[in-house]
C-alpha atoms as a PDB file:
ATOM      1  CA  UNK A   1     -19.845 -25.933  13.238  1.00  0.00           C
ATOM      2  CA  UNK A   2     -21.973 -22.830  12.930  1.00  0.00           C
ATOM      3  CA  UNK A   3     -24.843 -23.944  10.694  1.00  0.00           C
ATOM      4  CA  UNK A   4     -27.889 -21.766  11.475  1.00  0.00           C
ATOM      5  CA  UNK A   5     -27.439 -19.783   8.274  1.00  0.00           C
ATOM      6  CA  UNK A   6     -24.983 -20.563   5.498  1.00  0.00           C
ATOM      7  CA  UNK A   7     -24.112 -16.973   4.576  1.00  0.00           C
ATOM      8  CA  UNK A   8     -23.286 -16.114   8.180  1.00  0.00           C
ATOM      9  CA  UNK A   9     -21.062 -19.165   8.452  1.00  0.00           C
ATOM     10  CA  UNK A  10     -19.326 -18.059   5.237  1.00  0.00           C
ATOM     11  CA  UNK A  11     -18.702 -14.646   6.811  1.00  0.00           C
ATOM     12  CA  UNK A  12     -17.239 -16.282   9.926  1.00  0.00           C
ATOM     13  CA  UNK A  13     -14.920 -18.378   7.769  1.00  0.00           C
ATOM     14  CA  UNK A  14     -13.764 -15.289   5.887  1.00  0.00           C
ATOM     15  CA  UNK A  15     -12.987 -13.600   9.189  1.00  0.00           C
ATOM     16  CA  UNK A  16     -11.200 -16.725  10.384  1.00  0.00           C
ATOM     17  CA  UNK A  17      -8.974 -16.557   7.323  1.00  0.00           C
ATOM     18  CA  UNK A  18      -8.368 -12.783   7.207  1.00  0.00           C
ATOM     19  CA  UNK A  19      -8.828 -11.843  10.915  1.00  0.00           C
ATOM     20  CA  UNK A  20     -10.807  -8.726   9.914  1.00  0.00           C
ATOM     21  CA  UNK A  21     -12.948  -7.389   7.090  1.00  0.00           C
ATOM     22  CA  UNK A  22     -15.350  -4.702   5.895  1.00  0.00           C
ATOM     23  CA  UNK A  23     -18.862  -4.824   4.485  1.00  0.00           C
ATOM     24  CA  UNK A  24     -17.490  -4.126   1.019  1.00  0.00           C
ATOM     25  CA  UNK A  25     -14.966  -6.976   1.259  1.00  0.00           C
ATOM     26  CA  UNK A  26     -17.627  -9.464   2.374  1.00  0.00           C
ATOM     27  CA  UNK A  27     -20.011  -8.309  -0.345  1.00  0.00           C
ATOM     28  CA  UNK A  28     -17.347  -8.785  -3.021  1.00  0.00           C
ATOM     29  CA  UNK A  29     -16.202 -12.186  -1.737  1.00  0.00           C
ATOM     30  CA  UNK A  30     -19.742 -13.582  -1.390  1.00  0.00           C
ATOM     31  CA  UNK A  31     -21.304 -11.809  -4.395  1.00  0.00           C
ATOM     32  CA  UNK A  32     -23.937 -10.184  -2.212  1.00  0.00           C
ATOM     33  CA  UNK A  33     -25.364  -6.690  -1.942  1.00  0.00           C
ATOM     34  CA  UNK A  34     -23.805  -4.582   0.841  1.00  0.00           C
ATOM     35  CA  UNK A  35     -27.228  -4.146   2.475  1.00  0.00           C
ATOM     36  CA  UNK A  36     -27.651  -7.933   2.667  1.00  0.00           C
ATOM     37  CA  UNK A  37     -24.210  -8.287   4.226  1.00  0.00           C
ATOM     38  CA  UNK A  38     -25.014  -5.602   6.821  1.00  0.00           C
ATOM     39  CA  UNK A  39     -28.124  -7.520   7.856  1.00  0.00           C
ATOM     40  CA  UNK A  40     -26.100 -10.705   8.418  1.00  0.00           C
ATOM     41  CA  UNK A  41     -23.389  -8.815  10.278  1.00  0.00           C
ATOM     42  CA  UNK A  42     -25.999  -7.260  12.560  1.00  0.00           C
ATOM     43  CA  UNK A  43     -27.299 -10.712  13.481  1.00  0.00           C
ATOM     44  CA  UNK A  44     -23.795 -12.048  14.115  1.00  0.00           C
ATOM     45  CA  UNK A  45     -22.971  -9.066  16.315  1.00  0.00           C
ATOM     46  CA  UNK A  46     -26.190  -9.445  18.346  1.00  0.00           C
ATOM     47  CA  UNK A  47     -25.240 -13.073  18.929  1.00  0.00           C
ATOM     48  CA  UNK A  48     -21.839 -12.012  20.224  1.00  0.00           C
ATOM     49  CA  UNK A  49     -19.932 -13.750  17.431  1.00  0.00           C
ATOM     50  CA  UNK A  50     -18.295 -10.662  15.939  1.00  0.00           C
ATOM     51  CA  UNK A  51     -17.377  -7.153  17.014  1.00  0.00           C
ATOM     52  CA  UNK A  52     -16.556  -3.994  15.096  1.00  0.00           C
ATOM     53  CA  UNK A  53     -14.342  -0.965  15.320  1.00  0.00           C
ATOM     54  CA  UNK A  54     -14.883   2.348  13.568  1.00  0.00           C
ATOM     55  CA  UNK A  55     -12.402   3.641  11.029  1.00  0.00           C
ATOM     56  CA  UNK A  56     -12.597   7.162   9.594  1.00  0.00           C
ATOM     57  CA  UNK A  57     -10.876   8.180   6.379  1.00  0.00           C
ATOM     58  CA  UNK A  58     -11.703  11.836   5.875  1.00  0.00           C
ATOM     59  CA  UNK A  59     -15.215  13.297   5.724  1.00  0.00           C
ATOM     60  CA  UNK A  60     -18.282  11.183   5.136  1.00  0.00           C
ATOM     61  CA  UNK A  61     -19.555   7.971   6.651  1.00  0.00           C
ATOM     62  CA  UNK A  62     -17.008   5.963   8.675  1.00  0.00           C
ATOM     63  CA  UNK A  63     -16.003   2.440   7.716  1.00  0.00           C
ATOM     64  CA  UNK A  64     -16.473  -0.432  10.120  1.00  0.00           C
ATOM     65  CA  UNK A  65     -13.921  -3.193  10.580  1.00  0.00           C
ATOM     66  CA  UNK A  66     -15.329  -6.505  11.786  1.00  0.00           C
ATOM     67  CA  UNK A  67     -13.498  -9.282  13.636  1.00  0.00           C
ATOM     68  CA  UNK A  68     -14.328 -12.601  15.286  1.00  0.00           C
ATOM     69  CA  UNK A  69     -15.059 -12.714  18.990  1.00  0.00           C
ATOM     70  CA  UNK A  70     -13.589 -15.308  21.337  1.00  0.00           C
ATOM     71  CA  UNK A  71     -17.020 -16.921  21.450  1.00  0.00           C
ATOM     72  CA  UNK A  72     -16.968 -17.396  17.662  1.00  0.00           C
ATOM     73  CA  UNK A  73     -13.634 -19.205  17.794  1.00  0.00           C
ATOM     74  CA  UNK A  74     -15.350 -21.941  19.802  1.00  0.00           C
ATOM     75  CA  UNK A  75     -17.710 -22.620  16.875  1.00  0.00           C
ATOM     76  CA  UNK A  76     -14.909 -23.995  14.732  1.00  0.00           C
ATOM     77  CA  UNK A  77     -14.216 -27.752  15.029  1.00  0.00           C
ATOM     78  CA  UNK A  78     -12.018 -28.871  17.915  1.00  0.00           C
ATOM     79  CA  UNK A  79     -10.326 -32.229  18.436  1.00  0.00           C
ATOM     80  CA  UNK A  80      -9.056 -32.225  22.011  1.00  0.00           C
ATOM     81  CA  UNK A  81     -11.035 -35.316  23.068  1.00  0.00           C
ATOM     82  CA  UNK A  82      -9.890 -37.278  20.036  1.00  0.00           C
ATOM     83  CA  UNK A  83      -6.305 -36.225  20.617  1.00  0.00           C
ATOM     84  CA  UNK A  84      -6.430 -37.370  24.248  1.00  0.00           C
ATOM     85  CA  UNK A  85      -7.877 -40.755  23.241  1.00  0.00           C
ATOM     86  CA  UNK A  86      -5.178 -41.286  20.613  1.00  0.00           C
ATOM     87  CA  UNK A  87      -2.370 -40.343  22.967  1.00  0.00           C
ATOM     88  CA  UNK A  88      -3.696 -42.728  25.630  1.00  0.00           C
ATOM     89  CA  UNK A  89      -3.835 -45.492  23.028  1.00  0.00           C
ATOM     90  CA  UNK A  90      -0.228 -44.889  22.048  1.00  0.00           C
ATOM     91  CA  UNK A  91       0.978 -44.728  25.639  1.00  0.00           C
ATOM     92  CA  UNK A  92      -0.860 -47.901  26.646  1.00  0.00           C
ATOM     93  CA  UNK A  93       0.720 -49.869  23.787  1.00  0.00           C
ATOM     94  CA  UNK A  94       4.198 -48.383  24.140  1.00  0.00           C
ATOM     95  CA  UNK A  95       7.032 -50.726  25.095  1.00  0.00           C
ATOM     96  CA  UNK A  96       9.813 -49.326  27.264  1.00  0.00           C
ATOM     97  CA  UNK A  97      12.515 -50.610  24.924  1.00  0.00           C
ATOM     98  CA  UNK A  98      11.039 -48.557  22.061  1.00  0.00           C
ATOM     99  CA  UNK A  99      12.026 -45.292  23.711  1.00  0.00           C
ATOM    100  CA  UNK A 100      15.023 -46.504  25.673  1.00  0.00           C
ATOM    101  CA  UNK A 101      17.906 -44.088  25.274  1.00  0.00           C
ATOM    102  CA  UNK A 102      15.809 -41.317  23.745  1.00  0.00           C
ATOM    103  CA  UNK A 103      15.788 -37.813  25.183  1.00  0.00           C
ATOM    104  CA  UNK A 104      12.544 -36.346  26.527  1.00  0.00           C
ATOM    105  CA  UNK A 105      12.074 -34.506  23.246  1.00  0.00           C
ATOM    106  CA  UNK A 106      12.908 -37.669  21.308  1.00  0.00           C
ATOM    107  CA  UNK A 107      10.300 -39.666  23.214  1.00  0.00           C
ATOM    108  CA  UNK A 108       7.557 -37.170  22.412  1.00  0.00           C
ATOM    109  CA  UNK A 109       8.662 -37.021  18.790  1.00  0.00           C
ATOM    110  CA  UNK A 110       8.587 -40.833  18.551  1.00  0.00           C
ATOM    111  CA  UNK A 111       5.091 -41.059  20.038  1.00  0.00           C
ATOM    112  CA  UNK A 112       3.739 -38.299  17.795  1.00  0.00           C
ATOM    113  CA  UNK A 113       5.122 -39.861  14.624  1.00  0.00           C
ATOM    114  CA  UNK A 114       3.874 -43.322  15.594  1.00  0.00           C
ATOM    115  CA  UNK A 115       0.427 -41.903  16.306  1.00  0.00           C
ATOM    116  CA  UNK A 116       0.442 -40.179  12.909  1.00  0.00           C
ATOM    117  CA  UNK A 117       1.323 -43.423  11.153  1.00  0.00           C
ATOM    118  CA  UNK A 118      -1.430 -45.317  12.991  1.00  0.00           C
ATOM    119  CA  UNK A 119      -4.076 -42.722  12.109  1.00  0.00           C
ATOM    120  CA  UNK A 120      -2.900 -42.541   8.477  1.00  0.00           C
ATOM    121  CA  UNK A 121      -3.128 -46.338   8.181  1.00  0.00           C
ATOM    122  CA  UNK A 122      -6.714 -46.119   9.395  1.00  0.00           C
ATOM    123  CA  UNK A 123      -7.540 -43.802   6.509  1.00  0.00           C
ATOM    124  CA  UNK A 124      -5.509 -45.655   3.877  1.00  0.00           C
ATOM    125  CA  UNK A 125      -8.422 -47.721   2.556  1.00  0.00           C
ATOM    126  CA  UNK A 126     -10.277 -44.509   1.654  1.00  0.00           C
ATOM    127  CA  UNK A 127      -7.388 -43.016  -0.325  1.00  0.00           C
ATOM    128  CA  UNK A 128      -7.528 -44.568  -3.774  1.00  0.00           C
ATOM    129  CA  UNK A 129      -5.610 -42.019  -5.826  1.00  0.00           C
ATOM    130  CA  UNK A 130      -2.414 -43.161  -7.510  1.00  0.00           C
ATOM    131  CA  UNK A 131      -0.835 -39.792  -8.284  1.00  0.00           C
ATOM    132  CA  UNK A 132      -0.406 -36.901  -5.876  1.00  0.00           C
ATOM    133  CA  UNK A 133      -2.986 -34.928  -7.880  1.00  0.00           C
ATOM    134  CA  UNK A 134      -5.533 -37.683  -7.237  1.00  0.00           C
ATOM    135  CA  UNK A 135      -4.638 -38.298  -3.594  1.00  0.00           C
ATOM    136  CA  UNK A 136      -4.593 -34.638  -2.584  1.00  0.00           C
ATOM    137  CA  UNK A 137      -8.335 -33.872  -2.806  1.00  0.00           C
ATOM    138  CA  UNK A 138      -9.156 -37.243  -1.212  1.00  0.00           C
ATOM    139  CA  UNK A 139      -6.917 -36.501   1.765  1.00  0.00           C
ATOM    140  CA  UNK A 140      -8.355 -32.998   2.145  1.00  0.00           C
ATOM    141  CA  UNK A 141     -11.909 -34.389   2.165  1.00  0.00           C
ATOM    142  CA  UNK A 142     -10.986 -36.874   4.913  1.00  0.00           C
ATOM    143  CA  UNK A 143      -9.296 -34.193   7.013  1.00  0.00           C
ATOM    144  CA  UNK A 144     -12.291 -31.893   6.751  1.00  0.00           C
ATOM    145  CA  UNK A 145     -14.791 -34.629   7.571  1.00  0.00           C
ATOM    146  CA  UNK A 146     -12.967 -36.470  10.353  1.00  0.00           C
ATOM    147  CA  UNK A 147     -10.156 -34.274  11.710  1.00  0.00           C
ATOM    148  CA  UNK A 148     -11.871 -30.900  12.012  1.00  0.00           C
ATOM    149  CA  UNK A 149      -9.584 -28.956   9.692  1.00  0.00           C
ATOM    150  CA  UNK A 150     -10.871 -26.454   7.144  1.00  0.00           C
ATOM    151  CA  UNK A 151      -8.289 -27.470   4.555  1.00  0.00           C
ATOM    152  CA  UNK A 152      -7.954 -26.474   0.935  1.00  0.00           C
ATOM    153  CA  UNK A 153      -5.908 -28.219  -1.795  1.00  0.00           C
ATOM    154  CA  UNK A 154      -4.179 -25.531  -3.852  1.00  0.00           C
ATOM    155  CA  UNK A 155      -2.503 -25.817  -7.268  1.00  0.00           C
ATOM    156  CA  UNK A 156       0.457 -23.444  -7.535  1.00  0.00           C
ATOM    157  CA  UNK A 157       3.340 -22.789  -9.900  1.00  0.00           C
ATOM    158  CA  UNK A 158       5.735 -24.595  -7.582  1.00  0.00           C
ATOM    159  CA  UNK A 159       3.472 -27.622  -7.149  1.00  0.00           C
ATOM    160  CA  UNK A 160       0.743 -28.170  -4.577  1.00  0.00           C
ATOM    161  CA  UNK A 161      -0.069 -26.528  -1.265  1.00  0.00           C
ATOM    162  CA  UNK A 162      -2.431 -27.273   1.591  1.00  0.00           C
ATOM    163  CA  UNK A 163      -3.901 -24.395   3.562  1.00  0.00           C
ATOM    164  CA  UNK A 164      -5.702 -24.894   6.882  1.00  0.00           C
ATOM    165  CA  UNK A 165      -7.588 -22.017   8.480  1.00  0.00           C
ATOM    166  CA  UNK A 166      -8.633 -24.058  11.511  1.00  0.00           C
ATOM    167  CA  UNK A 167      -6.363 -26.007  13.831  1.00  0.00           C
ATOM    168  CA  UNK A 168      -8.480 -28.398  15.959  1.00  0.00           C
ATOM    169  CA  UNK A 169      -5.731 -28.376  18.597  1.00  0.00           C
ATOM    170  CA  UNK A 170      -4.699 -24.719  18.395  1.00  0.00           C
ATOM    171  CA  UNK A 171      -4.735 -23.927  22.112  1.00  0.00           C
ATOM    172  CA  UNK A 172      -2.515 -26.899  22.877  1.00  0.00           C
ATOM    173  CA  UNK A 173      -0.304 -26.414  19.823  1.00  0.00           C
ATOM    174  CA  UNK A 174       0.586 -22.870  20.890  1.00  0.00           C
ATOM    175  CA  UNK A 175       2.112 -24.301  24.053  1.00  0.00           C
ATOM    176  CA  UNK A 176       3.273 -27.657  22.682  1.00  0.00           C
ATOM    177  CA  UNK A 177       4.571 -27.395  19.077  1.00  0.00           C
ATOM    178  CA  UNK A 178       5.179 -31.159  19.069  1.00  0.00           C
ATOM    179  CA  UNK A 179       1.606 -31.319  17.777  1.00  0.00           C
ATOM    180  CA  UNK A 180       2.867 -29.694  14.588  1.00  0.00           C
ATOM    181  CA  UNK A 181       5.162 -32.712  14.165  1.00  0.00           C
ATOM    182  CA  UNK A 182       2.186 -35.019  14.481  1.00  0.00           C
ATOM    183  CA  UNK A 183       0.065 -33.195  11.907  1.00  0.00           C
ATOM    184  CA  UNK A 184       2.858 -32.806   9.356  1.00  0.00           C
ATOM    185  CA  UNK A 185       3.719 -36.486   9.753  1.00  0.00           C
ATOM    186  CA  UNK A 186       0.046 -37.392   9.274  1.00  0.00           C
ATOM    187  CA  UNK A 187      -0.121 -35.371   6.035  1.00  0.00           C
ATOM    188  CA  UNK A 188       3.098 -36.925   4.800  1.00  0.00           C
ATOM    189  CA  UNK A 189       1.905 -40.492   5.469  1.00  0.00           C
ATOM    190  CA  UNK A 190      -1.534 -39.904   3.924  1.00  0.00           C
ATOM    191  CA  UNK A 191      -0.148 -38.225   0.811  1.00  0.00           C
ATOM    192  CA  UNK A 192       2.909 -40.512   0.592  1.00  0.00           C
ATOM    193  CA  UNK A 193       5.108 -37.507  -0.081  1.00  0.00           C
ATOM    194  CA  UNK A 194       7.195 -34.859   1.640  1.00  0.00           C
ATOM    195  CA  UNK A 195       5.745 -31.842   3.425  1.00  0.00           C
ATOM    196  CA  UNK A 196       7.327 -28.478   4.231  1.00  0.00           C
ATOM    197  CA  UNK A 197       5.728 -25.988   6.607  1.00  0.00           C
ATOM    198  CA  UNK A 198       5.600 -22.454   5.195  1.00  0.00           C
ATOM    199  CA  UNK A 199       3.478 -20.820   7.892  1.00  0.00           C
ATOM    200  CA  UNK A 200       1.866 -22.013  11.086  1.00  0.00           C
ATOM    201  CA  UNK A 201      -0.952 -20.826  13.361  1.00  0.00           C
ATOM    202  CA  UNK A 202       1.020 -22.018  16.391  1.00  0.00           C
ATOM    203  CA  UNK A 203       3.531 -19.234  15.674  1.00  0.00           C
ATOM    204  CA  UNK A 204       0.891 -16.541  15.104  1.00  0.00           C
ATOM    205  CA  UNK A 205       0.040 -16.907  11.402  1.00  0.00           C
ATOM    206  CA  UNK A 206      -3.618 -16.709  10.378  1.00  0.00           C
ATOM    207  CA  UNK A 207      -3.439 -20.130   8.706  1.00  0.00           C
ATOM    208  CA  UNK A 208      -1.184 -23.144   8.357  1.00  0.00           C
ATOM    209  CA  UNK A 209       0.343 -23.439   4.891  1.00  0.00           C
ATOM    210  CA  UNK A 210       2.133 -26.576   3.700  1.00  0.00           C
ATOM    211  CA  UNK A 211       4.135 -27.116   0.540  1.00  0.00           C
ATOM    212  CA  UNK A 212       3.686 -30.619  -0.859  1.00  0.00           C
ATOM    213  CA  UNK A 213       7.160 -31.446  -2.133  1.00  0.00           C
ATOM    214  CA  UNK A 214       7.504 -33.368  -5.396  1.00  0.00           C
ATOM    215  CA  UNK A 215      10.641 -35.082  -4.149  1.00  0.00           C
ATOM    216  CA  UNK A 216       8.639 -37.236  -1.754  1.00  0.00           C
ATOM    217  CA  UNK A 217       6.560 -38.985  -4.409  1.00  0.00           C
ATOM    218  CA  UNK A 218       8.303 -42.281  -3.668  1.00  0.00           C
ATOM    219  CA  UNK A 219       7.101 -42.154  -0.073  1.00  0.00           C
ATOM    220  CA  UNK A 220      10.073 -40.395   1.491  1.00  0.00           C
ATOM    221  CA  UNK A 221       9.077 -38.243   4.477  1.00  0.00           C
ATOM    222  CA  UNK A 222      10.525 -34.726   4.313  1.00  0.00           C
ATOM    223  CA  UNK A 223       9.451 -32.494   7.177  1.00  0.00           C
ATOM    224  CA  UNK A 224      10.858 -29.046   7.872  1.00  0.00           C
ATOM    225  CA  UNK A 225       9.127 -27.660  10.942  1.00  0.00           C
ATOM    226  CA  UNK A 226       9.329 -24.027  12.040  1.00  0.00           C
ATOM    227  CA  UNK A 227       9.635 -25.065  15.674  1.00  0.00           C
ATOM    228  CA  UNK A 228      11.570 -27.685  17.578  1.00  0.00           C
ATOM    229  CA  UNK A 229       9.218 -30.130  19.328  1.00  0.00           C
ATOM    230  CA  UNK A 230       9.036 -29.700  23.078  1.00  0.00           C
ATOM    231  CA  UNK A 231       7.721 -32.141  25.699  1.00  0.00           C
ATOM    232  CA  UNK A 232       4.022 -32.092  26.508  1.00  0.00           C
ATOM    233  CA  UNK A 233       3.117 -30.355  29.721  1.00  0.00           C
ATOM    234  CA  UNK A 234       2.523 -32.656  32.672  1.00  0.00           C
END
């Protein structure tokens, strides 16, 4: 994680969420003077972490639109090594009869869901909340600390939502949406409730947004994915 200066990391997170922004938008969001924001942006640009384009709206000084660079994306937590270790663990313990008769897609789906259940069980002793309102923030804290997400627990009129602005497996997930199955299943097991996907970075959205469904309070797993899982590349 980028940690040299907190305000600059906050700016990078804002850009991660919104994809672009202006000095005025950063100043308003961070409660800082525009001059202070410009100084931080200048440092970030010198370090190659952001770039800007000029936008003119009539006479007067132009506005500048800032965006993350490819180099900055690498500062956000990644989990490729952990994912590889978990998949190897599942494959080494897999019995042939467990996946006998399943299609290629079904085999991947089975492995992903079993991996999610194993990981969720490993976290279960740290989740003490009884109600979904109590479990939610505990799960989010665990995901942020151990899984590399930048998740937020959101109260809404239709219940609860989880928003992630960082996918630790984004490069793989864009090619192999079966990873979305794994993450949704993990959330569902940890929260002991149903999960519906409302938007997904693997399909081009700027964040992943999940609706925590009240109907799953008894432990029922309800997963509506935007993509059909496909086999992992060989």
